[in-house]
Amino acid sequence: MESATPAPYVVEDCGPNLQLFSDGTVVRFDDYNILPPLHDLLRDRDVDYAARLRATGKRVELVEFEGQHHGFFAAEPFGDAGSELVRVVSRFVYGNAAASNY
């Protein structure tokens, strides 16, 4: 019998626009930003999660970093990919600040 990975569930509601999930995902409503490295063992799961969010009508930006592995930012934060990751996350955070109640 195959064991199924349980679906992530909400661990904590952090106000009306932010949720923390059991798998460590943090989601800000109405925008989602998912960043799976291309050589990540969990990449397919992240891509599937983005597709499922889109299917529910959520706006999702899926950003992939070619040639990178899981945790690449911790190993090389000042490389080209690390710099791009900071730009993407900054755009997500500050681009959605106007929609936030915080």
Protein backbone atom coordinates (compact mmCIF):
# COMPACT_ATOMS: atom_id res chain seq x y z
CA MET A 1 0.00 0.00 0.00
CA GLU A 2 1.38 3.40 -0.97
CA SER A 3 1.48 6.07 1.68
CA ALA A 4 0.01 9.35 0.56
CA THR A 5 1.53 12.64 1.62
CA PRO A 6 -1.13 14.49 3.59
CA ALA A 7 -2.30 17.77 2.14
CA PRO A 8 -0.90 20.83 3.89
CA TYR A 9 -3.27 22.37 6.42
CA VAL A 10 -3.45 25.81 8.04
CA VAL A 11 -1.43 25.92 11.26
CA GLU A 12 -2.00 29.59 12.04
CA ASP A 13 -4.03 32.45 10.64
CA CYS A 14 -1.85 35.56 10.87
CA GLY A 15 -4.51 38.14 10.19
CA PRO A 16 -6.94 38.34 7.30
CA ASN A 17 -4.30 38.19 4.56
CA LEU A 18 -1.68 35.71 5.78
CA GLN A 19 -1.68 32.00 6.68
CA LEU A 20 1.03 29.58 7.82
CA PHE A 21 0.65 25.98 6.57
CA SER A 22 1.86 22.71 8.09
CA ASP A 23 4.47 22.24 5.35
CA GLY A 24 6.06 25.62 6.11
CA THR A 25 4.34 27.45 3.27
CA VAL A 26 3.33 31.02 4.06
CA VAL A 27 0.48 32.34 1.91
CA ARG A 28 -0.57 35.96 1.50
CA PHE A 29 -4.05 36.39 0.03
CA ASP A 30 -4.89 37.32 -2.87
CA ASP A 31 -1.44 36.82 -4.35
CA TYR A 32 0.71 33.72 -4.25
CA ASN A 33 4.37 33.33 -5.05
CA ILE A 34 5.86 29.83 -5.32
CA LEU A 35 9.61 29.42 -5.87
CA PRO A 36 10.63 25.82 -6.69
CA PRO A 37 14.27 25.39 -7.75
CA LEU A 38 14.49 23.28 -10.92
CA HIS A 39 16.64 20.58 -9.27
CA ASP A 40 14.56 20.42 -6.08
CA LEU A 41 13.23 17.02 -5.08
CA LEU A 42 9.95 18.73 -4.18
CA ARG A 43 9.68 20.71 -7.44
CA ASP A 44 6.87 18.64 -8.95
CA ARG A 45 4.84 18.98 -5.76
CA ASP A 46 5.32 22.78 -5.80
CA VAL A 47 4.33 23.02 -9.46
CA ASP A 48 1.23 20.92 -8.75
CA TYR A 49 0.37 23.13 -5.76
CA ALA A 50 0.58 26.24 -7.96
CA ALA A 51 -1.70 24.60 -10.54
CA ARG A 52 -4.24 23.69 -7.86
CA LEU A 53 -4.23 27.27 -6.53
CA ARG A 54 -4.74 28.61 -10.07
CA ALA A 55 -7.63 26.19 -10.55
CA THR A 56 -9.38 27.83 -7.59
CA GLY A 57 -9.01 31.24 -9.22
CA LYS A 58 -6.05 32.47 -7.17
CA ARG A 59 -3.35 34.61 -8.77
CA VAL A 60 -0.11 32.63 -8.69
CA GLU A 61 3.39 33.54 -9.81
CA LEU A 62 5.57 30.45 -10.24
CA VAL A 63 9.27 31.36 -10.46
CA GLU A 64 11.88 28.69 -11.19
CA PHE A 65 15.65 29.04 -10.91
CA GLU A 66 17.41 27.08 -13.63
CA GLY A 67 20.34 24.95 -12.45
CA GLN A 68 19.60 25.47 -8.76
CA HIS A 69 19.03 22.92 -5.99
CA HIS A 70 16.89 23.00 -2.87
CA GLY A 71 18.29 25.55 -0.44
CA PHE A 72 20.57 27.20 -3.01
CA PHE A 73 20.11 30.60 -1.37
CA ALA A 74 21.64 29.38 1.91
CA ALA A 75 24.69 28.02 0.08
CA GLU A 76 25.24 30.96 -2.29
CA PRO A 77 23.15 34.00 -1.33
CA PHE A 78 25.26 36.50 -3.30
CA GLY A 79 25.23 34.71 -6.67
CA ASP A 80 23.06 35.64 -9.64
CA ALA A 81 20.26 33.26 -8.61
CA GLY A 82 20.36 34.51 -5.01
CA SER A 83 20.12 38.12 -6.16
CA GLU A 84 17.18 37.25 -8.41
CA LEU A 85 15.45 35.43 -5.53
CA VAL A 86 15.75 38.55 -3.37
CA ARG A 87 14.26 40.66 -6.20
CA VAL A 88 11.34 38.23 -6.67
CA VAL A 89 10.54 38.04 -2.96
CA SER A 90 10.86 41.84 -2.57
CA ARG A 91 8.51 42.38 -5.51
CA PHE A 92 6.03 39.95 -3.94
CA VAL A 93 6.18 41.50 -0.46
CA TYR A 94 6.27 45.17 -1.43
CA GLY A 95 4.04 44.76 -4.45
CA ASN A 96 1.29 43.39 -2.24
CA ALA A 97 1.76 45.81 0.65
CA ALA A 98 -0.99 48.08 -0.66
CA ALA A 99 -3.49 45.20 -0.51
CA SER A 100 -2.50 44.28 3.04
CA ASN A 101 -4.27 45.47 6.17
CA TYR A 102 -0.94 45.70 8.00
